[in-house]
Amino acid sequence: VLRNLVGLPEDHDADRYFNPGNPYYARESDAF
């Protein structure tokens, strides 16, 4: 909702940092 309000897409790759294959995989602090 916050992203929507500031004009960003609702989803971000960093949301799913726990999925293998994600560019942020196993990098929780970088994702956040």
PDB file of all heavy atoms in Angstrom:
ATOM      1  N   VAL A   1       0.852  -1.198   0.000  1.00  0.00           N
ATOM      2  CA  VAL A   1       0.000   0.000   0.000  1.00  0.00           C
ATOM      3  C   VAL A   1       0.883   1.242   0.000  1.00  0.00           C
ATOM      4  O   VAL A   1       0.639   2.199  -0.743  1.00  0.00           O
ATOM      5  CB  VAL A   1      -0.950  -0.003   1.219  1.00  0.00           C
ATOM      6  CG1 VAL A   1      -1.703   1.310   1.346  1.00  0.00           C
ATOM      7  CG2 VAL A   1      -1.908  -1.179   1.146  1.00  0.00           C
ATOM      8  N   LEU A   2       1.927   1.219   0.798  1.00  0.00           N
ATOM      9  CA  LEU A   2       2.851   2.346   0.879  1.00  0.00           C
ATOM     10  C   LEU A   2       3.491   2.614  -0.481  1.00  0.00           C
ATOM     11  O   LEU A   2       3.568   3.761  -0.931  1.00  0.00           O
ATOM     12  CB  LEU A   2       3.918   2.027   1.918  1.00  0.00           C
ATOM     13  CG  LEU A   2       4.643   3.178   2.558  1.00  0.00           C
ATOM     14  CD1 LEU A   2       3.688   4.060   3.330  1.00  0.00           C
ATOM     15  CD2 LEU A   2       5.712   2.660   3.481  1.00  0.00           C
ATOM     16  N   ARG A   3       3.937   1.559  -1.147  1.00  0.00           N
ATOM     17  CA  ARG A   3       4.549   1.720  -2.477  1.00  0.00           C
ATOM     18  C   ARG A   3       3.556   2.338  -3.454  1.00  0.00           C
ATOM     19  O   ARG A   3       3.916   3.206  -4.246  1.00  0.00           O
ATOM     20  CB  ARG A   3       5.014   0.373  -3.019  1.00  0.00           C
ATOM     21  CG  ARG A   3       6.251  -0.150  -2.395  1.00  0.00           C
ATOM     22  CD  ARG A   3       6.678  -1.427  -3.097  1.00  0.00           C
ATOM     23  NE  ARG A   3       7.669  -2.129  -2.331  1.00  0.00           N
ATOM     24  CZ  ARG A   3       7.610  -3.408  -2.028  1.00  0.00           C
ATOM     25  NH1 ARG A   3       6.612  -4.163  -2.421  1.00  0.00           N
ATOM     26  NH2 ARG A   3       8.559  -3.968  -1.328  1.00  0.00           N
ATOM     27  N   ASN A   4       2.341   1.854  -3.404  1.00  0.00           N
ATOM     28  CA  ASN A   4       1.300   2.395  -4.271  1.00  0.00           C
ATOM     29  C   ASN A   4       1.137   3.894  -4.071  1.00  0.00           C
ATOM     30  O   ASN A   4       0.998   4.650  -5.027  1.00  0.00           O
ATOM     31  CB  ASN A   4      -0.019   1.681  -3.962  1.00  0.00           C
ATOM     32  CG  ASN A   4      -0.694   1.169  -5.183  1.00  0.00           C
ATOM     33  OD1 ASN A   4      -0.345   1.514  -6.292  1.00  0.00           O
ATOM     34  ND2 ASN A   4      -1.688   0.328  -4.968  1.00  0.00           N
ATOM     35  N   LEU A   5       1.130   4.322  -2.827  1.00  0.00           N
ATOM     36  CA  LEU A   5       0.926   5.732  -2.493  1.00  0.00           C
ATOM     37  C   LEU A   5       2.061   6.635  -2.963  1.00  0.00           C
ATOM     38  O   LEU A   5       1.836   7.809  -3.252  1.00  0.00           O
ATOM     39  CB  LEU A   5       0.731   5.901  -0.984  1.00  0.00           C
ATOM     40  CG  LEU A   5      -0.557   5.319  -0.421  1.00  0.00           C
ATOM     41  CD1 LEU A   5      -0.525   5.331   1.104  1.00  0.00           C
ATOM     42  CD2 LEU A   5      -1.767   6.097  -0.942  1.00  0.00           C
ATOM     43  N   VAL A   6       3.268   6.097  -3.046  1.00  0.00           N
ATOM     44  CA  VAL A   6       4.404   6.917  -3.488  1.00  0.00           C
ATOM     45  C   VAL A   6       4.741   6.687  -4.961  1.00  0.00           C
ATOM     46  O   VAL A   6       5.750   7.176  -5.455  1.00  0.00           O
ATOM     47  CB  VAL A   6       5.655   6.713  -2.595  1.00  0.00           C
ATOM     48  CG1 VAL A   6       5.383   7.170  -1.177  1.00  0.00           C
ATOM     49  CG2 VAL A   6       6.164   5.287  -2.641  1.00  0.00           C
ATOM     50  N   GLY A   7       3.898   5.928  -5.664  1.00  0.00           N
ATOM     51  CA  GLY A   7       4.065   5.753  -7.105  1.00  0.00           C
ATOM     52  C   GLY A   7       5.002   4.639  -7.531  1.00  0.00           C
ATOM     53  O   GLY A   7       5.443   4.604  -8.675  1.00  0.00           O
ATOM     54  N   LEU A   8       5.292   3.721  -6.631  1.00  0.00           N
ATOM     55  CA  LEU A   8       6.141   2.575  -6.973  1.00  0.00           C
ATOM     56  C   LEU A   8       5.274   1.364  -7.306  1.00  0.00           C
ATOM     57  O   LEU A   8       4.135   1.285  -6.858  1.00  0.00           O
ATOM     58  CB  LEU A   8       7.043   2.217  -5.790  1.00  0.00           C
ATOM     59  CG  LEU A   8       8.114   3.224  -5.400  1.00  0.00           C
ATOM     60  CD1 LEU A   8       8.780   2.806  -4.100  1.00  0.00           C
ATOM     61  CD2 LEU A   8       9.148   3.357  -6.501  1.00  0.00           C
ATOM     62  N   PRO A   9       5.820   0.401  -8.060  1.00  0.00           N
ATOM     63  CA  PRO A   9       5.078  -0.845  -8.283  1.00  0.00           C
ATOM     64  C   PRO A   9       4.815  -1.545  -6.955  1.00  0.00           C
ATOM     65  O   PRO A   9       5.616  -1.431  -6.017  1.00  0.00           O
ATOM     66  CB  PRO A   9       6.015  -1.681  -9.155  1.00  0.00           C
ATOM     67  CG  PRO A   9       7.038  -0.748  -9.680  1.00  0.00           C
ATOM     68  CD  PRO A   9       7.104   0.409  -8.738  1.00  0.00           C
ATOM     69  N   GLU A  10       3.726  -2.273  -6.887  1.00  0.00           N
ATOM     70  CA  GLU A  10       3.339  -2.930  -5.636  1.00  0.00           C
ATOM     71  C   GLU A  10       4.348  -3.978  -5.187  1.00  0.00           C
ATOM     72  O   GLU A  10       4.591  -4.144  -4.003  1.00  0.00           O
ATOM     73  CB  GLU A  10       1.962  -3.575  -5.821  1.00  0.00           C
ATOM     74  CG  GLU A  10       1.354  -4.053  -4.542  1.00  0.00           C
ATOM     75  CD  GLU A  10      -0.078  -4.517  -4.743  1.00  0.00           C
ATOM     76  OE1 GLU A  10      -0.959  -3.674  -4.927  1.00  0.00           O
ATOM     77  OE2 GLU A  10      -0.279  -5.748  -4.686  1.00  0.00           O
ATOM     78  N   ASP A  11       4.941  -4.699  -6.126  1.00  0.00           N
ATOM     79  CA  ASP A  11       5.883  -5.768  -5.786  1.00  0.00           C
ATOM     80  C   ASP A  11       7.321  -5.350  -6.075  1.00  0.00           C
ATOM     81  O   ASP A  11       7.582  -4.510  -6.931  1.00  0.00           O
ATOM     82  CB  ASP A  11       5.560  -7.039  -6.565  1.00  0.00           C
ATOM     83  CG  ASP A  11       4.245  -7.658  -6.129  1.00  0.00           C
ATOM     84  OD1 ASP A  11       4.029  -7.759  -4.911  1.00  0.00           O
ATOM     85  OD2 ASP A  11       3.445  -8.027  -6.995  1.00  0.00           O
ATOM     86  N   HIS A  12       8.230  -5.959  -5.362  1.00  0.00           N
ATOM     87  CA  HIS A  12       9.666  -5.696  -5.495  1.00  0.00           C
ATOM     88  C   HIS A  12      10.368  -7.050  -5.395  1.00  0.00           C
ATOM     89  O   HIS A  12       9.973  -7.897  -4.597  1.00  0.00           O
ATOM     90  CB  HIS A  12      10.098  -4.777  -4.351  1.00  0.00           C
ATOM     91  CG  HIS A  12      11.465  -4.201  -4.487  1.00  0.00           C
ATOM     92  ND1 HIS A  12      12.604  -4.962  -4.458  1.00  0.00           N
ATOM     93  CD2 HIS A  12      11.869  -2.919  -4.637  1.00  0.00           C
ATOM     94  CE1 HIS A  12      13.657  -4.167  -4.583  1.00  0.00           C
ATOM     95  NE2 HIS A  12      13.229  -2.920  -4.689  1.00  0.00           N
ATOM     96  N   ASP A  13      11.403  -7.253  -6.188  1.00  0.00           N
ATOM     97  CA  ASP A  13      12.166  -8.514  -6.112  1.00  0.00           C
ATOM     98  C   ASP A  13      12.612  -8.811  -4.692  1.00  0.00           C
ATOM     99  O   ASP A  13      12.671  -9.963  -4.273  1.00  0.00           O
ATOM    100  CB  ASP A  13      13.415  -8.456  -7.000  1.00  0.00           C
ATOM    101  CG  ASP A  13      13.118  -8.711  -8.460  1.00  0.00           C
ATOM    102  OD1 ASP A  13      12.020  -9.230  -8.764  1.00  0.00           O
ATOM    103  OD2 ASP A  13      13.979  -8.391  -9.297  1.00  0.00           O
ATOM    104  N   ALA A  14      12.921  -7.767  -3.952  1.00  0.00           N
ATOM    105  CA  ALA A  14      13.447  -7.935  -2.595  1.00  0.00           C
ATOM    106  C   ALA A  14      12.413  -8.513  -1.628  1.00  0.00           C
ATOM    107  O   ALA A  14      12.787  -9.027  -0.578  1.00  0.00           O
ATOM    108  CB  ALA A  14      13.966  -6.599  -2.067  1.00  0.00           C
ATOM    109  N   ASP A  15      11.127  -8.466  -1.982  1.00  0.00           N
ATOM    110  CA  ASP A  15      10.100  -9.041  -1.104  1.00  0.00           C
ATOM    111  C   ASP A  15      10.286 -10.544  -0.938  1.00  0.00           C
ATOM    112  O   ASP A  15       9.947 -11.110   0.092  1.00  0.00           O
ATOM    113  CB  ASP A  15       8.686  -8.805  -1.665  1.00  0.00           C
ATOM    114  CG  ASP A  15       8.274  -7.351  -1.652  1.00  0.00           C
ATOM    115  OD1 ASP A  15       8.784  -6.587  -0.805  1.00  0.00           O
ATOM    116  OD2 ASP A  15       7.441  -6.982  -2.498  1.00  0.00           O
ATOM    117  N   ARG A  16      10.778 -11.174  -1.949  1.00  0.00           N
ATOM    118  CA  ARG A  16      10.896 -12.637  -1.953  1.00  0.00           C
ATOM    119  C   ARG A  16      12.362 -13.075  -1.884  1.00  0.00           C
ATOM    120  O   ARG A  16      12.805 -13.964  -2.590  1.00  0.00           O
ATOM    121  CB  ARG A  16      10.238 -13.198  -3.199  1.00  0.00           C
ATOM    122  CG  ARG A  16       8.793 -12.774  -3.329  1.00  0.00           C
ATOM    123  CD  ARG A  16       7.917 -13.932  -3.101  1.00  0.00           C
ATOM    124  NE  ARG A  16       6.520 -13.516  -3.202  1.00  0.00           N
ATOM    125  CZ  ARG A  16       5.620 -13.847  -2.324  1.00  0.00           C
ATOM    126  NH1 ARG A  16       5.951 -14.602  -1.311  1.00  0.00           N
ATOM    127  NH2 ARG A  16       4.381 -13.457  -2.446  1.00  0.00           N
ATOM    128  N   TYR A  17      13.114 -12.433  -1.011  1.00  0.00           N
ATOM    129  CA  TYR A  17      14.540 -12.717  -0.844  1.00  0.00           C
ATOM    130  C   TYR A  17      14.820 -14.162  -0.436  1.00  0.00           C
ATOM    131  O   TYR A  17      15.932 -14.640  -0.558  1.00  0.00           O
ATOM    132  CB  TYR A  17      15.156 -11.777   0.205  1.00  0.00           C
ATOM    133  CG  TYR A  17      14.556 -11.966   1.577  1.00  0.00           C
ATOM    134  CD1 TYR A  17      15.060 -12.911   2.454  1.00  0.00           C
ATOM    135  CD2 TYR A  17      13.444 -11.229   1.968  1.00  0.00           C
ATOM    136  CE1 TYR A  17      14.486 -13.113   3.697  1.00  0.00           C
ATOM    137  CE2 TYR A  17      12.865 -11.420   3.207  1.00  0.00           C
ATOM    138  CZ  TYR A  17      13.384 -12.353   4.066  1.00  0.00           C
ATOM    139  OH  TYR A  17      12.799 -12.559   5.287  1.00  0.00           O
ATOM    140  N   PHE A  18      13.802 -14.868   0.024  1.00  0.00           N
ATOM    141  CA  PHE A  18      13.977 -16.241   0.513  1.00  0.00           C
ATOM    142  C   PHE A  18      13.814 -17.286  -0.583  1.00  0.00           C
ATOM    143  O   PHE A  18      13.988 -18.469  -0.335  1.00  0.00           O
ATOM    144  CB  PHE A  18      12.976 -16.524   1.646  1.00  0.00           C
ATOM    145  CG  PHE A  18      11.570 -16.116   1.300  1.00  0.00           C
ATOM    146  CD1 PHE A  18      10.751 -16.946   0.577  1.00  0.00           C
ATOM    147  CD2 PHE A  18      11.092 -14.876   1.683  1.00  0.00           C
ATOM    148  CE1 PHE A  18       9.468 -16.565   0.234  1.00  0.00           C
ATOM    149  CE2 PHE A  18       9.805 -14.486   1.350  1.00  0.00           C
ATOM    150  CZ  PHE A  18       8.990 -15.327   0.623  1.00  0.00           C
ATOM    151  N   ASN A  19      13.460 -16.879  -1.802  1.00  0.00           N
ATOM    152  CA  ASN A  19      13.286 -17.827  -2.904  1.00  0.00           C
ATOM    153  C   ASN A  19      14.591 -18.016  -3.674  1.00  0.00           C
ATOM    154  O   ASN A  19      15.178 -17.035  -4.141  1.00  0.00           O
ATOM    155  CB  ASN A  19      12.227 -17.323  -3.894  1.00  0.00           C
ATOM    156  CG  ASN A  19      10.829 -17.482  -3.379  1.00  0.00           C
ATOM    157  OD1 ASN A  19      10.578 -18.250  -2.464  1.00  0.00           O
ATOM    158  ND2 ASN A  19       9.894 -16.745  -3.968  1.00  0.00           N
ATOM    159  N   PRO A  20      15.043 -19.263  -3.833  1.00  0.00           N
ATOM    160  CA  PRO A  20      16.234 -19.498  -4.666  1.00  0.00           C
ATOM    161  C   PRO A  20      15.982 -18.946  -6.068  1.00  0.00           C
ATOM    162  O   PRO A  20      14.882 -18.999  -6.588  1.00  0.00           O
ATOM    163  CB  PRO A  20      16.357 -21.023  -4.698  1.00  0.00           C
ATOM    164  CG  PRO A  20      15.605 -21.489  -3.493  1.00  0.00           C
ATOM    165  CD  PRO A  20      14.494 -20.499  -3.289  1.00  0.00           C
ATOM    166  N   GLY A  21      17.006 -18.374  -6.662  1.00  0.00           N
ATOM    167  CA  GLY A  21      16.863 -17.790  -7.988  1.00  0.00           C
ATOM    168  C   GLY A  21      16.553 -16.303  -7.935  1.00  0.00           C
ATOM    169  O   GLY A  21      16.701 -15.606  -8.934  1.00  0.00           O
ATOM    170  N   ASN A  22      16.116 -15.813  -6.802  1.00  0.00           N
ATOM    171  CA  ASN A  22      15.845 -14.391  -6.639  1.00  0.00           C
ATOM    172  C   ASN A  22      17.184 -13.657  -6.506  1.00  0.00           C
ATOM    173  O   ASN A  22      18.091 -14.151  -5.846  1.00  0.00           O
ATOM    174  CB  ASN A  22      14.987 -14.179  -5.379  1.00  0.00           C
ATOM    175  CG  ASN A  22      14.572 -12.743  -5.193  1.00  0.00           C
ATOM    176  OD1 ASN A  22      15.411 -11.862  -5.026  1.00  0.00           O
ATOM    177  ND2 ASN A  22      13.288 -12.508  -5.200  1.00  0.00           N
ATOM    178  N   PRO A  23      17.317 -12.484  -7.131  1.00  0.00           N
ATOM    179  CA  PRO A  23      18.587 -11.756  -7.018  1.00  0.00           C
ATOM    180  C   PRO A  23      18.974 -11.419  -5.573  1.00  0.00           C
ATOM    181  O   PRO A  23      20.149 -11.196  -5.284  1.00  0.00           O
ATOM    182  CB  PRO A  23      18.368 -10.479  -7.823  1.00  0.00           C
ATOM    183  CG  PRO A  23      16.997 -10.509  -8.355  1.00  0.00           C
ATOM    184  CD  PRO A  23      16.357 -11.798  -7.972  1.00  0.00           C
ATOM    185  N   TYR A  24      18.012 -11.392  -4.674  1.00  0.00           N
ATOM    186  CA  TYR A  24      18.286 -11.094  -3.265  1.00  0.00           C
ATOM    187  C   TYR A  24      18.329 -12.351  -2.395  1.00  0.00           C
ATOM    188  O   TYR A  24      18.362 -12.248  -1.171  1.00  0.00           O
ATOM    189  CB  TYR A  24      17.227 -10.141  -2.701  1.00  0.00           C
ATOM    190  CG  TYR A  24      17.318  -8.754  -3.275  1.00  0.00           C
ATOM    191  CD1 TYR A  24      16.519  -8.363  -4.337  1.00  0.00           C
ATOM    192  CD2 TYR A  24      18.214  -7.826  -2.757  1.00  0.00           C
ATOM    193  CE1 TYR A  24      16.608  -7.092  -4.865  1.00  0.00           C
ATOM    194  CE2 TYR A  24      18.313  -6.559  -3.275  1.00  0.00           C
ATOM    195  CZ  TYR A  24      17.501  -6.194  -4.330  1.00  0.00           C
ATOM    196  OH  TYR A  24      17.595  -4.925  -4.844  1.00  0.00           O
ATOM    197  N   TYR A  25      18.347 -13.514  -3.005  1.00  0.00           N
ATOM    198  CA  TYR A  25      18.308 -14.761  -2.241  1.00  0.00           C
ATOM    199  C   TYR A  25      19.405 -14.796  -1.179  1.00  0.00           C
ATOM    200  O   TYR A  25      20.577 -14.517  -1.458  1.00  0.00           O
ATOM    201  CB  TYR A  25      18.446 -15.964  -3.169  1.00  0.00           C
ATOM    202  CG  TYR A  25      18.405 -17.287  -2.444  1.00  0.00           C
ATOM    203  CD1 TYR A  25      17.251 -17.687  -1.793  1.00  0.00           C
ATOM    204  CD2 TYR A  25      19.516 -18.117  -2.390  1.00  0.00           C
ATOM    205  CE1 TYR A  25      17.198 -18.893  -1.115  1.00  0.00           C
ATOM    206  CE2 TYR A  25      19.472 -19.323  -1.726  1.00  0.00           C
ATOM    207  CZ  TYR A  25      18.307 -19.705  -1.082  1.00  0.00           C
ATOM    208  OH  TYR A  25      18.250 -20.890  -0.404  1.00  0.00           O
ATOM    209  N   ALA A  26      19.001 -15.121   0.046  1.00  0.00           N
ATOM    210  CA  ALA A  26      19.902 -15.247   1.196  1.00  0.00           C
ATOM    211  C   ALA A  26      20.608 -13.937   1.544  1.00  0.00           C
ATOM    212  O   ALA A  26      21.655 -13.937   2.168  1.00  0.00           O
ATOM    213  CB  ALA A  26      20.924 -16.361   0.963  1.00  0.00           C
ATOM    214  N   ARG A  27      20.021 -12.827   1.118  1.00  0.00           N
ATOM    215  CA  ARG A  27      20.593 -11.510   1.419  1.00  0.00           C
ATOM    216  C   ARG A  27      19.488 -10.635   2.018  1.00  0.00           C
ATOM    217  O   ARG A  27      19.141  -9.592   1.495  1.00  0.00           O
ATOM    218  CB  ARG A  27      21.144 -10.882   0.147  1.00  0.00           C
ATOM    219  CG  ARG A  27      22.303 -11.649  -0.439  1.00  0.00           C
ATOM    220  CD  ARG A  27      22.791 -11.092  -1.783  1.00  0.00           C
ATOM    221  NE  ARG A  27      22.721  -9.656  -1.885  1.00  0.00           N
ATOM    222  CZ  ARG A  27      22.301  -9.033  -2.990  1.00  0.00           C
ATOM    223  NH1 ARG A  27      21.903  -9.704  -4.042  1.00  0.00           N
ATOM    224  NH2 ARG A  27      22.283  -7.713  -3.032  1.00  0.00           N
ATOM    225  N   GLU A  28      18.942 -11.087   3.126  1.00  0.00           N
ATOM    226  CA  GLU A  28      17.797 -10.413   3.733  1.00  0.00           C
ATOM    227  C   GLU A  28      18.066  -8.945   4.046  1.00  0.00           C
ATOM    228  O   GLU A  28      17.244  -8.082   3.760  1.00  0.00           O
ATOM    229  CB  GLU A  28      17.364 -11.144   4.995  1.00  0.00           C
ATOM    230  CG  GLU A  28      16.155 -10.526   5.653  1.00  0.00           C
ATOM    231  CD  GLU A  28      15.681 -11.298   6.871  1.00  0.00           C
ATOM    232  OE1 GLU A  28      16.256 -12.351   7.202  1.00  0.00           O
ATOM    233  OE2 GLU A  28      14.734 -10.824   7.494  1.00  0.00           O
ATOM    234  N   SER A  29      19.205  -8.649   4.630  1.00  0.00           N
ATOM    235  CA  SER A  29      19.471  -7.253   5.003  1.00  0.00           C
ATOM    236  C   SER A  29      19.634  -6.376   3.762  1.00  0.00           C
ATOM    237  O   SER A  29      19.181  -5.220   3.755  1.00  0.00           O
ATOM    238  CB  SER A  29      20.693  -7.142   5.910  1.00  0.00           C
ATOM    239  OG  SER A  29      21.829  -7.663   5.284  1.00  0.00           O
ATOM    240  N   ASP A  30      20.240  -6.893   2.690  1.00  0.00           N
ATOM    241  CA  ASP A  30      20.345  -6.130   1.442  1.00  0.00           C
ATOM    242  C   ASP A  30      18.964  -5.899   0.832  1.00  0.00           C
ATOM    243  O   ASP A  30      18.685  -4.820   0.297  1.00  0.00           O
ATOM    244  CB  ASP A  30      21.219  -6.866   0.425  1.00  0.00           C
ATOM    245  CG  ASP A  30      22.677  -6.923   0.818  1.00  0.00           C
ATOM    246  OD1 ASP A  30      23.104  -6.127   1.691  1.00  0.00           O
ATOM    247  OD2 ASP A  30      23.402  -7.768   0.262  1.00  0.00           O
ATOM    248  N   ALA A  31      18.125  -6.916   0.900  1.00  0.00           N
ATOM    249  CA  ALA A  31      16.772  -6.800   0.359  1.00  0.00           C
ATOM    250  C   ALA A  31      15.985  -5.718   1.097  1.00  0.00           C
ATOM    251  O   ALA A  31      15.348  -4.858   0.488  1.00  0.00           O
ATOM    252  CB  ALA A  31      16.049  -8.145   0.459  1.00  0.00           C
ATOM    253  N   PHE A  32      16.047  -5.753   2.404  1.00  0.00           N
ATOM    254  CA  PHE A  32      15.326  -4.784   3.220  1.00  0.00           C
ATOM    255  C   PHE A  32      15.846  -3.369   2.968  1.00  0.00           C
ATOM    256  O   PHE A  32      15.079  -2.419   2.813  1.00  0.00           O
ATOM    257  CB  PHE A  32      15.444  -5.169   4.688  1.00  0.00           C
ATOM    258  CG  PHE A  32      14.557  -4.395   5.605  1.00  0.00           C
ATOM    259  CD1 PHE A  32      13.270  -4.039   5.242  1.00  0.00           C
ATOM    260  CD2 PHE A  32      15.008  -4.023   6.856  1.00  0.00           C
ATOM    261  CE1 PHE A  32      12.448  -3.327   6.100  1.00  0.00           C
ATOM    262  CE2 PHE A  32      14.197  -3.318   7.732  1.00  0.00           C
ATOM    263  CZ  PHE A  32      12.919  -2.963   7.338  1.00  0.00           C
TER     264      PHE A  32
END
